[in-house]
PDB file of N, CA and C in Angstrom:
ATOM      1  N   MET A   1       0.774  -1.288   0.221  1.00  0.00           N
ATOM      2  CA  MET A   1       0.142   0.057   0.016  1.00  0.00           C
ATOM      3  C   MET A   1       0.657   1.253   0.082  1.00  0.00           C
ATOM      4  N   LEU A   2       0.260   2.215  -0.670  1.00  0.00           N
ATOM      5  CA  LEU A   2       1.367   3.466  -0.816  1.00  0.00           C
ATOM      6  C   LEU A   2       0.709   4.441   0.294  1.00  0.00           C
ATOM      7  N   ARG A   3       1.627   4.525   1.055  1.00  0.00           N
ATOM      8  CA  ARG A   3       1.662   5.674   2.193  1.00  0.00           C
ATOM      9  C   ARG A   3       2.040   7.296   1.868  1.00  0.00           C
ATOM     10  N   LEU A   4       0.759   8.247   1.833  1.00  0.00           N
ATOM     11  CA  LEU A   4       0.686   9.483   1.310  1.00  0.00           C
ATOM     12  C   LEU A   4       1.865  10.377   2.191  1.00  0.00           C
ATOM     13  N   ARG A   5       1.933   9.969   3.340  1.00  0.00           N
ATOM     14  CA  ARG A   5       2.928  10.824   4.480  1.00  0.00           C
ATOM     15  C   ARG A   5       4.276  10.515   3.775  1.00  0.00           C
ATOM     16  N   ALA A   6       4.585   8.904   3.944  1.00  0.00           N
ATOM     17  CA  ALA A   6       5.806   8.620   3.319  1.00  0.00           C
ATOM     18  C   ALA A   6       6.098   9.046   2.004  1.00  0.00           C
ATOM     19  N   LEU A   7       5.623   9.143   1.257  1.00  0.00           N
ATOM     20  CA  LEU A   7       5.637   9.196  -0.371  1.00  0.00           C
ATOM     21  C   LEU A   7       5.985  10.940  -0.143  1.00  0.00           C
ATOM     22  N   SER A   8       5.219  11.662   0.287  1.00  0.00           N
ATOM     23  CA  SER A   8       5.382  13.245   0.495  1.00  0.00           C
ATOM     24  C   SER A   8       6.833  13.427   1.053  1.00  0.00           C
ATOM     25  N   ARG A   9       7.173  12.628   2.172  1.00  0.00           N
ATOM     26  CA  ARG A   9       8.657  13.036   2.539  1.00  0.00           C
ATOM     27  C   ARG A   9       9.739  12.561   1.638  1.00  0.00           C
ATOM     28  N   TYR A  10       9.343  11.557   1.045  1.00  0.00           N
ATOM     29  CA  TYR A  10      10.372  11.139  -0.264  1.00  0.00           C
ATOM     30  C   TYR A  10      10.616  12.009  -1.280  1.00  0.00           C
ATOM     31  N   LEU A  11       9.381  12.755  -1.647  1.00  0.00           N
ATOM     32  CA  LEU A  11       9.478  13.492  -3.021  1.00  0.00           C
ATOM     33  C   LEU A  11      10.168  15.149  -2.149  1.00  0.00           C
ATOM     34  N   ASP A  12       9.956  15.173  -1.036  1.00  0.00           N
ATOM     35  CA  ASP A  12      10.764  16.375  -0.232  1.00  0.00           C
ATOM     36  C   ASP A  12      12.180  16.026  -0.341  1.00  0.00           C
ATOM     37  N   ARG A  13      12.739  14.950  -0.180  1.00  0.00           N
ATOM     38  CA  ARG A  13      14.272  14.593  -0.047  1.00  0.00           C
ATOM     39  C   ARG A  13      14.789  14.537  -1.395  1.00  0.00           C
ATOM     40  N   VAL A  14      13.912  13.991  -2.325  1.00  0.00           N
ATOM     41  CA  VAL A  14      14.464  14.183  -3.934  1.00  0.00           C
ATOM     42  C   VAL A  14      14.472  15.881  -4.228  1.00  0.00           C
ATOM     43  N   ARG A  15      13.439  16.662  -3.950  1.00  0.00           N
ATOM     44  CA  ARG A  15      13.436  18.139  -4.180  1.00  0.00           C
ATOM     45  C   ARG A  15      14.440  19.005  -3.597  1.00  0.00           C
ATOM     46  N   THR A  16      15.594  18.839  -4.053  1.00  0.00           N
ATOM     47  CA  THR A  16      16.718  19.459  -3.892  1.00  0.00           C
ATOM     48  C   THR A  16      17.658  19.650  -4.841  1.00  0.00           C
ATOM     49  N   GLY A  17      18.645  20.551  -4.655  1.00  0.00           N
ATOM     50  CA  GLY A  17      19.648  20.845  -5.562  1.00  0.00           C
ATOM     51  C   GLY A  17      18.932  21.657  -6.803  1.00  0.00           C
ATOM     52  N   GLY A  18      18.058  22.675  -6.927  1.00  0.00           N
ATOM     53  CA  GLY A  18      17.450  23.143  -7.863  1.00  0.00           C
ATOM     54  C   GLY A  18      16.304  22.666  -8.571  1.00  0.00           C
ATOM     55  N   VAL A  19      16.015  21.436  -8.161  1.00  0.00           N
ATOM     56  CA  VAL A  19      14.493  20.904  -8.409  1.00  0.00           C
ATOM     57  C   VAL A  19      13.482  21.705  -7.307  1.00  0.00           C
ATOM     58  N   GLU A  20      12.426  22.443  -7.938  1.00  0.00           N
ATOM     59  CA  GLU A  20      11.675  23.072  -7.228  1.00  0.00           C
ATOM     60  C   GLU A  20      10.725  22.181  -6.813  1.00  0.00           C
ATOM     61  N   SER A  21       9.918  21.407  -7.726  1.00  0.00           N
ATOM     62  CA  SER A  21       8.760  20.845  -7.454  1.00  0.00           C
ATOM     63  C   SER A  21       8.881  19.577  -7.891  1.00  0.00           C
ATOM     64  N   ILE A  22       7.796  18.600  -7.511  1.00  0.00           N
ATOM     65  CA  ILE A  22       7.554  17.420  -8.222  1.00  0.00           C
ATOM     66  C   ILE A  22       6.029  17.129  -7.947  1.00  0.00           C
ATOM     67  N   MET A  23       5.631  16.545  -9.121  1.00  0.00           N
ATOM     68  CA  MET A  23       4.022  16.328  -8.965  1.00  0.00           C
ATOM     69  C   MET A  23       3.436  14.943  -9.499  1.00  0.00           C
ATOM     70  N   LEU A  24       2.622  14.362  -9.217  1.00  0.00           N
ATOM     71  CA  LEU A  24       2.292  13.109  -9.637  1.00  0.00           C
ATOM     72  C   LEU A  24       0.772  13.322  -9.853  1.00  0.00           C
ATOM     73  N   PHE A  25       0.505  12.919 -11.278  1.00  0.00           N
ATOM     74  CA  PHE A  25      -1.060  12.994 -11.225  1.00  0.00           C
ATOM     75  C   PHE A  25      -1.493  11.917 -12.564  1.00  0.00           C
ATOM     76  N   SER A  26      -2.709  11.617 -12.371  1.00  0.00           N
ATOM     77  CA  SER A  26      -3.325  10.931 -13.481  1.00  0.00           C
ATOM     78  C   SER A  26      -3.040  11.294 -15.074  1.00  0.00           C
ATOM     79  N   THR A  27      -3.272  10.239 -15.787  1.00  0.00           N
ATOM     80  CA  THR A  27      -3.222  10.806 -17.506  1.00  0.00           C
ATOM     81  C   THR A  27      -3.960  11.648 -17.884  1.00  0.00           C
ATOM     82  N   GLU A  28      -5.380  11.627 -16.784  1.00  0.00           N
ATOM     83  CA  GLU A  28      -6.380  12.634 -17.330  1.00  0.00           C
ATOM     84  C   GLU A  28      -6.005  13.967 -16.260  1.00  0.00           C
ATOM     85  N   GLY A  29      -5.080  13.985 -15.721  1.00  0.00           N
ATOM     86  CA  GLY A  29      -4.367  15.592 -15.390  1.00  0.00           C
ATOM     87  C   GLY A  29      -5.216  15.590 -14.278  1.00  0.00           C
ATOM     88  N   ILE A  30      -5.521  14.503 -13.139  1.00  0.00           N
ATOM     89  CA  ILE A  30      -5.750  14.832 -11.945  1.00  0.00           C
ATOM     90  C   ILE A  30      -4.638  14.743 -10.734  1.00  0.00           C
ATOM     91  N   LEU A  31      -4.321  15.738 -10.034  1.00  0.00           N
ATOM     92  CA  LEU A  31      -3.345  15.684  -9.042  1.00  0.00           C
ATOM     93  C   LEU A  31      -3.377  14.509  -7.908  1.00  0.00           C
ATOM     94  N   LEU A  32      -2.335  13.825  -7.846  1.00  0.00           N
ATOM     95  CA  LEU A  32      -2.536  12.961  -6.704  1.00  0.00           C
ATOM     96  C   LEU A  32      -1.764  13.234  -5.736  1.00  0.00           C
ATOM     97  N   THR A  33      -0.442  13.864  -5.766  1.00  0.00           N
ATOM     98  CA  THR A  33       0.210  14.652  -4.685  1.00  0.00           C
ATOM     99  C   THR A  33       1.301  15.429  -5.474  1.00  0.00           C
ATOM    100  N   GLN A  34       2.086  16.322  -4.581  1.00  0.00           N
ATOM    101  CA  GLN A  34       2.881  17.082  -5.182  1.00  0.00           C
ATOM    102  C   GLN A  34       3.658  17.576  -3.733  1.00  0.00           C
ATOM    103  N   SER A  35       5.015  18.068  -4.212  1.00  0.00           N
ATOM    104  CA  SER A  35       5.718  18.448  -3.377  1.00  0.00           C
ATOM    105  C   SER A  35       6.429  19.875  -3.935  1.00  0.00           C
ATOM    106  N   GLY A  36       6.093  21.055  -3.171  1.00  0.00           N
ATOM    107  CA  GLY A  36       7.145  22.335  -3.389  1.00  0.00           C
ATOM    108  C   GLY A  36       6.477  23.262  -4.418  1.00  0.00           C
ATOM    109  N   ILE A  37       5.495  22.963  -4.725  1.00  0.00           N
ATOM    110  CA  ILE A  37       4.536  24.128  -6.146  1.00  0.00           C
ATOM    111  C   ILE A  37       3.430  24.584  -5.269  1.00  0.00           C
ATOM    112  N   ASP A  38       3.304  26.081  -5.827  1.00  0.00           N
ATOM    113  CA  ASP A  38       2.196  26.617  -5.365  1.00  0.00           C
ATOM    114  C   ASP A  38       0.759  26.029  -5.912  1.00  0.00           C
ATOM    115  N   THR A  39      -0.176  25.736  -4.763  1.00  0.00           N
ATOM    116  CA  THR A  39      -1.129  25.205  -5.248  1.00  0.00           C
ATOM    117  C   THR A  39      -2.032  25.654  -5.910  1.00  0.00           C
ATOM    118  N   GLY A  40      -2.038  27.182  -6.275  1.00  0.00           N
ATOM    119  CA  GLY A  40      -2.848  27.727  -7.164  1.00  0.00           C
ATOM    120  C   GLY A  40      -2.642  27.360  -8.538  1.00  0.00           C
ATOM    121  N   ASN A  41      -1.246  26.984  -9.032  1.00  0.00           N
ATOM    122  CA  ASN A  41      -0.889  26.762 -10.378  1.00  0.00           C
ATOM    123  C   ASN A  41      -0.987  25.223 -10.598  1.00  0.00           C
ATOM    124  N   VAL A  42      -0.968  24.628  -9.700  1.00  0.00           N
ATOM    125  CA  VAL A  42      -0.742  22.850  -9.809  1.00  0.00           C
ATOM    126  C   VAL A  42      -1.856  22.334 -10.546  1.00  0.00           C
ATOM    127  N   LYS A  43      -3.029  22.692 -10.638  1.00  0.00           N
ATOM    128  CA  LYS A  43      -4.214  22.239 -11.557  1.00  0.00           C
ATOM    129  C   LYS A  43      -3.771  22.356 -13.218  1.00  0.00           C
ATOM    130  N   THR A  44      -3.401  24.030 -13.168  1.00  0.00           N
ATOM    131  CA  THR A  44      -3.013  24.145 -14.623  1.00  0.00           C
ATOM    132  C   THR A  44      -1.902  23.363 -14.891  1.00  0.00           C
ATOM    133  N   ALA A  45      -0.742  23.354 -14.222  1.00  0.00           N
ATOM    134  CA  ALA A  45       0.368  22.508 -14.628  1.00  0.00           C
ATOM    135  C   ALA A  45      -0.217  21.187 -15.191  1.00  0.00           C
ATOM    136  N   ALA A  46      -0.854  20.209 -14.216  1.00  0.00           N
ATOM    137  CA  ALA A  46      -1.098  19.055 -14.246  1.00  0.00           C
ATOM    138  C   ALA A  46      -1.996  18.994 -15.490  1.00  0.00           C
ATOM    139  N   ALA A  47      -2.885  19.872 -15.960  1.00  0.00           N
ATOM    140  CA  ALA A  47      -3.743  19.438 -16.972  1.00  0.00           C
ATOM    141  C   ALA A  47      -2.541  20.003 -18.635  1.00  0.00           C
ATOM    142  N   ILE A  48      -1.841  20.728 -18.028  1.00  0.00           N
ATOM    143  CA  ILE A  48      -0.904  21.296 -19.530  1.00  0.00           C
ATOM    144  C   ILE A  48       0.172  19.680 -19.553  1.00  0.00           C
ATOM    145  N   VAL A  49       0.606  19.634 -18.663  1.00  0.00           N
ATOM    146  CA  VAL A  49       1.408  18.071 -18.974  1.00  0.00           C
ATOM    147  C   VAL A  49       1.001  17.058 -19.186  1.00  0.00           C
ATOM    148  N   SER A  50      -0.487  16.725 -18.573  1.00  0.00           N
ATOM    149  CA  SER A  50      -1.082  15.478 -19.165  1.00  0.00           C
ATOM    150  C   SER A  50      -1.480  15.558 -20.722  1.00  0.00           C
ATOM    151  N   ASN A  51      -1.720  16.948 -21.216  1.00  0.00           N
ATOM    152  CA  ASN A  51      -2.253  17.167 -22.393  1.00  0.00           C
ATOM    153  C   ASN A  51      -0.905  16.766 -23.469  1.00  0.00           C
ATOM    154  N   VAL A  52       0.003  17.465 -22.990  1.00  0.00           N
ATOM    155  CA  VAL A  52       1.135  17.208 -23.757  1.00  0.00           C
ATOM    156  C   VAL A  52       1.671  15.838 -23.863  1.00  0.00           C
ATOM    157  N   TRP A  53       1.602  14.915 -22.756  1.00  0.00           N
ATOM    158  CA  TRP A  53       1.760  13.621 -22.702  1.00  0.00           C
ATOM    159  C   TRP A  53       1.077  12.926 -23.625  1.00  0.00           C
ATOM    160  N   ASN A  54      -0.316  13.089 -23.717  1.00  0.00           N
ATOM    161  CA  ASN A  54      -1.339  12.049 -24.290  1.00  0.00           C
ATOM    162  C   ASN A  54      -0.742  12.467 -25.658  1.00  0.00           C
ATOM    163  N   MET A  55      -0.891  13.764 -25.813  1.00  0.00           N
ATOM    164  CA  MET A  55      -0.690  14.285 -27.606  1.00  0.00           C
ATOM    165  C   MET A  55       0.496  13.593 -28.056  1.00  0.00           C
ATOM    166  N   TYR A  56       1.666  13.521 -27.277  1.00  0.00           N
ATOM    167  CA  TYR A  56       2.880  12.897 -28.074  1.00  0.00           C
ATOM    168  C   TYR A  56       2.458  11.642 -27.969  1.00  0.00           C
ATOM    169  N   GLN A  57       1.792  10.476 -26.951  1.00  0.00           N
ATOM    170  CA  GLN A  57       1.545   9.234 -26.844  1.00  0.00           C
ATOM    171  C   GLN A  57       0.864   8.845 -28.287  1.00  0.00           C
ATOM    172  N   LYS A  58      -0.508   9.915 -28.369  1.00  0.00           N
ATOM    173  CA  LYS A  58      -1.235   9.476 -29.682  1.00  0.00           C
ATOM    174  C   LYS A  58      -0.445   9.460 -31.159  1.00  0.00           C
ATOM    175  N   GLN A  59       0.471  10.645 -31.290  1.00  0.00           N
ATOM    176  CA  GLN A  59       1.312  10.645 -32.088  1.00  0.00           C
ATOM    177  C   GLN A  59       2.024   9.282 -32.371  1.00  0.00           C
ATOM    178  N   LEU A  60       2.775   8.998 -31.528  1.00  0.00           N
ATOM    179  CA  LEU A  60       3.492   7.451 -31.640  1.00  0.00           C
ATOM    180  C   LEU A  60       2.765   6.698 -31.873  1.00  0.00           C
ATOM    181  N   GLN A  61       1.488   6.315 -31.505  1.00  0.00           N
ATOM    182  CA  GLN A  61       0.740   5.275 -31.462  1.00  0.00           C
ATOM    183  C   GLN A  61       0.424   5.354 -33.217  1.00  0.00           C
ATOM    184  N   LEU A  62       0.029   6.605 -33.617  1.00  0.00           N
ATOM    185  CA  LEU A  62      -0.535   6.344 -35.165  1.00  0.00           C
ATOM    186  C   LEU A  62       0.806   6.097 -36.095  1.00  0.00           C
ATOM    187  N   ASN A  63       2.074   6.640 -35.596  1.00  0.00           N
ATOM    188  CA  ASN A  63       3.246   6.234 -36.439  1.00  0.00           C
ATOM    189  C   ASN A  63       3.937   4.853 -35.819  1.00  0.00           C
ATOM    190  N   GLU A  64       3.044   4.193 -35.329  1.00  0.00           N
ATOM    191  CA  GLU A  64       3.502   2.621 -34.849  1.00  0.00           C
ATOM    192  C   GLU A  64       5.018   2.650 -34.103  1.00  0.00           C
ATOM    193  N   SER A  65       5.283   3.758 -33.648  1.00  0.00           N
ATOM    194  CA  SER A  65       6.690   3.910 -32.609  1.00  0.00           C
ATOM    195  C   SER A  65       6.552   3.215 -31.522  1.00  0.00           C
ATOM    196  N   GLU A  66       8.047   3.297 -30.992  1.00  0.00           N
ATOM    197  CA  GLU A  66       7.972   2.571 -29.580  1.00  0.00           C
ATOM    198  C   GLU A  66       7.228   3.707 -28.640  1.00  0.00           C
ATOM    199  N   SER A  67       6.814   3.154 -27.544  1.00  0.00           N
ATOM    200  CA  SER A  67       6.401   3.967 -26.304  1.00  0.00           C
ATOM    201  C   SER A  67       7.349   5.148 -26.080  1.00  0.00           C
ATOM    202  N   LEU A  68       6.579   6.155 -25.523  1.00  0.00           N
ATOM    203  CA  LEU A  68       7.251   7.524 -24.968  1.00  0.00           C
ATOM    204  C   LEU A  68       7.904   6.943 -23.886  1.00  0.00           C
ATOM    205  N   GLN A  69       9.195   7.812 -23.684  1.00  0.00           N
ATOM    206  CA  GLN A  69       9.902   7.217 -22.179  1.00  0.00           C
ATOM    207  C   GLN A  69       9.975   8.492 -21.351  1.00  0.00           C
ATOM    208  N   GLU A  70      10.211   9.641 -21.841  1.00  0.00           N
ATOM    209  CA  GLU A  70      10.246  11.011 -21.081  1.00  0.00           C
ATOM    210  C   GLU A  70      10.112  11.951 -22.011  1.00  0.00           C
ATOM    211  N   ILE A  71       9.104  12.990 -21.478  1.00  0.00           N
ATOM    212  CA  ILE A  71       9.447  14.434 -22.350  1.00  0.00           C
ATOM    213  C   ILE A  71       9.975  15.642 -21.321  1.00  0.00           C
ATOM    214  N   ILE A  72      10.918  16.361 -22.172  1.00  0.00           N
ATOM    215  CA  ILE A  72      11.662  17.486 -21.731  1.00  0.00           C
ATOM    216  C   ILE A  72      11.081  18.750 -22.167  1.00  0.00           C
ATOM    217  N   VAL A  73      10.687  19.630 -21.439  1.00  0.00           N
ATOM    218  CA  VAL A  73      10.492  21.169 -22.019  1.00  0.00           C
ATOM    219  C   VAL A  73      11.110  22.148 -21.415  1.00  0.00           C
ATOM    220  N   GLU A  74      11.678  22.942 -22.183  1.00  0.00           N
ATOM    221  CA  GLU A  74      12.560  23.702 -21.808  1.00  0.00           C
ATOM    222  C   GLU A  74      11.750  25.182 -21.690  1.00  0.00           C
ATOM    223  N   LEU A  75      11.674  25.936 -20.483  1.00  0.00           N
ATOM    224  CA  LEU A  75      11.133  27.002 -20.250  1.00  0.00           C
ATOM    225  C   LEU A  75      11.897  28.425 -20.035  1.00  0.00           C
ATOM    226  N   THR A  76      11.377  29.469 -20.040  1.00  0.00           N
ATOM    227  CA  THR A  76      12.502  30.424 -20.068  1.00  0.00           C
ATOM    228  C   THR A  76      12.881  30.405 -18.415  1.00  0.00           C
ATOM    229  N   ASN A  77      12.482  30.212 -17.504  1.00  0.00           N
ATOM    230  CA  ASN A  77      13.074  30.126 -16.000  1.00  0.00           C
ATOM    231  C   ASN A  77      13.388  28.798 -15.442  1.00  0.00           C
ATOM    232  N   GLY A  78      13.408  27.675 -16.412  1.00  0.00           N
ATOM    233  CA  GLY A  78      13.515  26.463 -16.026  1.00  0.00           C
ATOM    234  C   GLY A  78      13.149  25.124 -17.151  1.00  0.00           C
ATOM    235  N   ARG A  79      13.122  23.969 -16.514  1.00  0.00           N
ATOM    236  CA  ARG A  79      12.699  22.756 -17.410  1.00  0.00           C
ATOM    237  C   ARG A  79      11.614  22.034 -16.411  1.00  0.00           C
ATOM    238  N   LEU A  80      10.925  21.441 -17.285  1.00  0.00           N
ATOM    239  CA  LEU A  80       9.921  20.216 -16.820  1.00  0.00           C
ATOM    240  C   LEU A  80      10.394  19.017 -17.505  1.00  0.00           C
ATOM    241  N   VAL A  81      10.569  17.997 -16.837  1.00  0.00           N
ATOM    242  CA  VAL A  81      11.065  16.496 -16.968  1.00  0.00           C
ATOM    243  C   VAL A  81       9.817  15.518 -16.651  1.00  0.00           C
ATOM    244  N   PHE A  82       9.132  15.170 -17.623  1.00  0.00           N
ATOM    245  CA  PHE A  82       8.124  14.026 -17.055  1.00  0.00           C
ATOM    246  C   PHE A  82       8.119  12.772 -17.671  1.00  0.00           C
ATOM    247  N   THR A  83       7.585  11.525 -17.010  1.00  0.00           N
ATOM    248  CA  THR A  83       7.633  10.443 -17.580  1.00  0.00           C
ATOM    249  C   THR A  83       6.334   9.699 -16.554  1.00  0.00           C
ATOM    250  N   ARG A  84       6.005   8.520 -17.439  1.00  0.00           N
ATOM    251  CA  ARG A  84       4.732   7.781 -16.904  1.00  0.00           C
ATOM    252  C   ARG A  84       5.203   6.604 -16.481  1.00  0.00           C
ATOM    253  N   VAL A  85       4.803   6.176 -15.387  1.00  0.00           N
ATOM    254  CA  VAL A  85       5.261   4.928 -14.250  1.00  0.00           C
ATOM    255  C   VAL A  85       3.607   4.528 -13.961  1.00  0.00           C
ATOM    256  N   ALA A  86       3.583   3.261 -14.203  1.00  0.00           N
ATOM    257  CA  ALA A  86       2.106   2.608 -14.274  1.00  0.00           C
ATOM    258  C   ALA A  86       1.177   3.423 -15.233  1.00  0.00           C
ATOM    259  N   SER A  87       0.014   4.096 -14.437  1.00  0.00           N
ATOM    260  CA  SER A  87      -0.732   4.937 -15.101  1.00  0.00           C
ATOM    261  C   SER A  87      -0.753   6.558 -14.267  1.00  0.00           C
ATOM    262  N   VAL A  88       0.442   6.555 -13.951  1.00  0.00           N
ATOM    263  CA  VAL A  88       0.751   7.907 -13.206  1.00  0.00           C
ATOM    264  C   VAL A  88       2.104   8.749 -13.932  1.00  0.00           C
ATOM    265  N   ILE A  89       1.521   9.788 -13.943  1.00  0.00           N
ATOM    266  CA  ILE A  89       2.650  10.766 -14.575  1.00  0.00           C
ATOM    267  C   ILE A  89       3.344  11.801 -13.374  1.00  0.00           C
ATOM    268  N   ILE A  90       4.965  11.240 -13.648  1.00  0.00           N
ATOM    269  CA  ILE A  90       5.712  12.170 -12.775  1.00  0.00           C
ATOM    270  C   ILE A  90       6.318  13.167 -13.344  1.00  0.00           C
ATOM    271  N   CYS A  91       6.135  14.096 -12.707  1.00  0.00           N
ATOM    272  CA  CYS A  91       6.768  15.598 -13.394  1.00  0.00           C
ATOM    273  C   CYS A  91       7.659  16.289 -12.429  1.00  0.00           C
ATOM    274  N   ILE A  92       8.817  16.804 -12.912  1.00  0.00           N
ATOM    275  CA  ILE A  92       9.896  17.633 -12.142  1.00  0.00           C
ATOM    276  C   ILE A  92      10.016  18.756 -12.907  1.00  0.00           C
ATOM    277  N   TYR A  93      10.097  19.883 -11.902  1.00  0.00           N
ATOM    278  CA  TYR A  93      10.309  21.342 -12.493  1.00  0.00           C
ATOM    279  C   TYR A  93      11.641  21.468 -11.828  1.00  0.00           C
ATOM    280  N   GLY A  94      12.635  22.005 -12.360  1.00  0.00           N
ATOM    281  CA  GLY A  94      13.487  22.386 -11.899  1.00  0.00           C
ATOM    282  C   GLY A  94      14.016  23.878 -12.554  1.00  0.00           C
ATOM    283  N   SER A  95      15.078  24.418 -11.571  1.00  0.00           N
ATOM    284  CA  SER A  95      15.486  25.865 -12.449  1.00  0.00           C
ATOM    285  C   SER A  95      16.618  25.787 -13.364  1.00  0.00           C
ATOM    286  N   LYS A  96      16.971  26.721 -13.950  1.00  0.00           N
ATOM    287  CA  LYS A  96      17.984  26.774 -15.056  1.00  0.00           C
ATOM    288  C   LYS A  96      19.328  26.333 -14.442  1.00  0.00           C
ATOM    289  N   GLU A  97      19.414  26.291 -13.117  1.00  0.00           N
ATOM    290  CA  GLU A  97      20.947  25.948 -12.410  1.00  0.00           C
ATOM    291  C   GLU A  97      21.051  24.686 -12.371  1.00  0.00           C
ATOM    292  N   ILE A  98      20.000  23.538 -12.250  1.00  0.00           N
ATOM    293  CA  ILE A  98      20.236  22.360 -12.202  1.00  0.00           C
ATOM    294  C   ILE A  98      20.364  21.756 -13.587  1.00  0.00           C
ATOM    295  N   SER A  99      21.480  20.803 -13.882  1.00  0.00           N
ATOM    296  CA  SER A  99      21.931  20.441 -15.126  1.00  0.00           C
ATOM    297  C   SER A  99      20.561  19.184 -15.588  1.00  0.00           C
ATOM    298  N   LEU A 100      20.592  19.519 -16.832  1.00  0.00           N
ATOM    299  CA  LEU A 100      19.439  18.384 -17.473  1.00  0.00           C
ATOM    300  C   LEU A 100      19.712  16.824 -17.125  1.00  0.00           C
ATOM    301  N   ALA A 101      21.197  16.566 -16.957  1.00  0.00           N
ATOM    302  CA  ALA A 101      21.761  15.434 -16.584  1.00  0.00           C
ATOM    303  C   ALA A 101      21.255  14.789 -15.374  1.00  0.00           C
ATOM    304  N   LEU A 102      21.349  15.953 -14.441  1.00  0.00           N
ATOM    305  CA  LEU A 102      20.794  15.797 -12.758  1.00  0.00           C
ATOM    306  C   LEU A 102      19.342  15.632 -12.968  1.00  0.00           C
ATOM    307  N   MET A 103      18.901  16.364 -13.664  1.00  0.00           N
ATOM    308  CA  MET A 103      17.348  16.034 -13.559  1.00  0.00           C
ATOM    309  C   MET A 103      16.764  14.990 -14.061  1.00  0.00           C
ATOM    310  N   ARG A 104      17.462  14.520 -15.084  1.00  0.00           N
ATOM    311  CA  ARG A 104      17.026  13.202 -15.858  1.00  0.00           C
ATOM    312  C   ARG A 104      17.257  11.902 -14.643  1.00  0.00           C
ATOM    313  N   ALA A 105      18.541  12.078 -14.112  1.00  0.00           N
ATOM    314  CA  ALA A 105      19.088  11.253 -12.933  1.00  0.00           C
ATOM    315  C   ALA A 105      17.965  11.007 -11.758  1.00  0.00           C
ATOM    316  N   LYS A 106      17.519  11.943 -11.183  1.00  0.00           N
ATOM    317  CA  LYS A 106      16.493  12.287 -10.621  1.00  0.00           C
ATOM    318  C   LYS A 106      15.322  11.484 -11.009  1.00  0.00           C
ATOM    319  N   MET A 107      14.796  11.669 -12.068  1.00  0.00           N
ATOM    320  CA  MET A 107      13.573  11.386 -12.549  1.00  0.00           C
ATOM    321  C   MET A 107      13.936   9.785 -12.811  1.00  0.00           C
ATOM    322  N   SER A 108      14.923   9.201 -12.979  1.00  0.00           N
ATOM    323  CA  SER A 108      15.167   7.907 -13.216  1.00  0.00           C
ATOM    324  C   SER A 108      14.966   7.245 -11.935  1.00  0.00           C
ATOM    325  N   LEU A 109      15.648   7.667 -10.689  1.00  0.00           N
ATOM    326  CA  LEU A 109      15.568   7.020  -9.554  1.00  0.00           C
ATOM    327  C   LEU A 109      13.921   7.392  -8.931  1.00  0.00           C
ATOM    328  N   LEU A 110      13.294   8.168  -9.324  1.00  0.00           N
ATOM    329  CA  LEU A 110      12.035   8.496  -8.977  1.00  0.00           C
ATOM    330  C   LEU A 110      11.211   7.172  -9.467  1.00  0.00           C
ATOM    331  N   ALA A 111      11.441   7.065 -10.598  1.00  0.00           N
ATOM    332  CA  ALA A 111      10.525   6.110 -11.558  1.00  0.00           C
ATOM    333  C   ALA A 111      10.864   4.756 -10.943  1.00  0.00           C
ATOM    334  N   GLU A 112      12.167   4.444 -10.718  1.00  0.00           N
ATOM    335  CA  GLU A 112      12.467   3.342 -10.552  1.00  0.00           C
ATOM    336  C   GLU A 112      12.013   3.095  -9.024  1.00  0.00           C
ATOM    337  N   ASN A 113      12.105   3.989  -8.195  1.00  0.00           N
ATOM    338  CA  ASN A 113      11.638   3.760  -6.744  1.00  0.00           C
ATOM    339  C   ASN A 113      10.135   3.593  -6.609  1.00  0.00           C
ATOM    340  N   LEU A 114       9.507   4.332  -7.506  1.00  0.00           N
ATOM    341  CA  LEU A 114       8.089   4.229  -7.513  1.00  0.00           C
ATOM    342  C   LEU A 114       7.211   3.393  -8.396  1.00  0.00           C
ATOM    343  N   HIS A 115       8.038   2.768  -9.175  1.00  0.00           N
ATOM    344  CA  HIS A 115       7.285   1.850 -10.120  1.00  0.00           C
ATOM    345  C   HIS A 115       6.462   0.648  -9.284  1.00  0.00           C
ATOM    346  N   GLU A 116       6.772   0.024  -8.437  1.00  0.00           N
ATOM    347  CA  GLU A 116       6.112  -0.955  -7.706  1.00  0.00           C
ATOM    348  C   GLU A 116       4.951  -0.598  -6.754  1.00  0.00           C
ATOM    349  N   PRO A 117       5.231   0.553  -6.061  1.00  0.00           N
ATOM    350  CA  PRO A 117       4.249   1.252  -5.213  1.00  0.00           C
ATOM    351  C   PRO A 117       2.858   1.686  -6.343  1.00  0.00           C
ATOM    352  N   LEU A 118       3.604   2.417  -7.145  1.00  0.00           N
ATOM    353  CA  LEU A 118       2.008   2.890  -8.069  1.00  0.00           C
ATOM    354  C   LEU A 118       1.889   1.701  -9.208  1.00  0.00           C
ATOM    355  N   SER A 119       2.450   0.828  -9.322  1.00  0.00           N
ATOM    356  CA  SER A 119       1.678   0.024 -10.048  1.00  0.00           C
ATOM    357  C   SER A 119       0.573  -1.072  -9.249  1.00  0.00           C
ATOM    358  N   LEU A 120       0.862  -1.160  -8.016  1.00  0.00           N
ATOM    359  CA  LEU A 120       0.240  -1.852  -6.865  1.00  0.00           C
ATOM    360  C   LEU A 120      -1.186  -1.019  -6.868  1.00  0.00           C
ATOM    361  N   LEU A 121      -0.848   0.476  -6.882  1.00  0.00           N
ATOM    362  CA  LEU A 121      -2.033   1.476  -6.561  1.00  0.00           C
ATOM    363  C   LEU A 121      -3.228   1.415  -7.591  1.00  0.00           C
ATOM    364  N   THR A 122      -2.446   1.614  -9.069  1.00  0.00           N
ATOM    365  CA  THR A 122      -3.207   1.633 -10.301  1.00  0.00           C
ATOM    366  C   THR A 122      -3.647   0.041 -10.640  1.00  0.00           C
ATOM    367  N   ALA A 123      -3.406  -0.788 -10.088  1.00  0.00           N
ATOM    368  CA  ALA A 123      -3.923  -2.211 -10.407  1.00  0.00           C
ATOM    369  C   ALA A 123      -5.039  -2.475  -9.344  1.00  0.00           C
ATOM    370  N   SER A 124      -4.874  -1.769  -8.029  1.00  0.00           N
ATOM    371  CA  SER A 124      -6.257  -2.107  -7.381  1.00  0.00           C
ATOM    372  C   SER A 124      -7.445  -1.145  -7.690  1.00  0.00           C
ATOM    373  N   ASN A 125      -7.090  -0.429  -8.433  1.00  0.00           N
ATOM    374  CA  ASN A 125      -8.606   0.850  -8.633  1.00  0.00           C
ATOM    375  C   ASN A 125      -9.039  -0.090 -10.029  1.00  0.00           C
TER     376      ASN A 125
END
């Protein structure tokens, strides 16, 4: 079983060194949990990221390509890196000061550590 307090503490530990926020949400854009983001903007961010993910996923299916691994979006003041684990999208927002390699390493660690609990959570629904 996935414990939300433990998950929140884990996300807070990962959110260091230039990572400003981490969000987990469904592919429909419903926020499941977050760490370090202004709650006024979180619904908008979740909707945008889920729409971008779904748009790319549909395009890959049309082209009969392999599945999407991650998406990186360069912004004026930072970067978004997001990936799908089970039926949950994990999104990291980092400042320009953090290297892309470090953001991708943190994402890989998050995806690896959360794969089993998120798979169990989504399988039980």
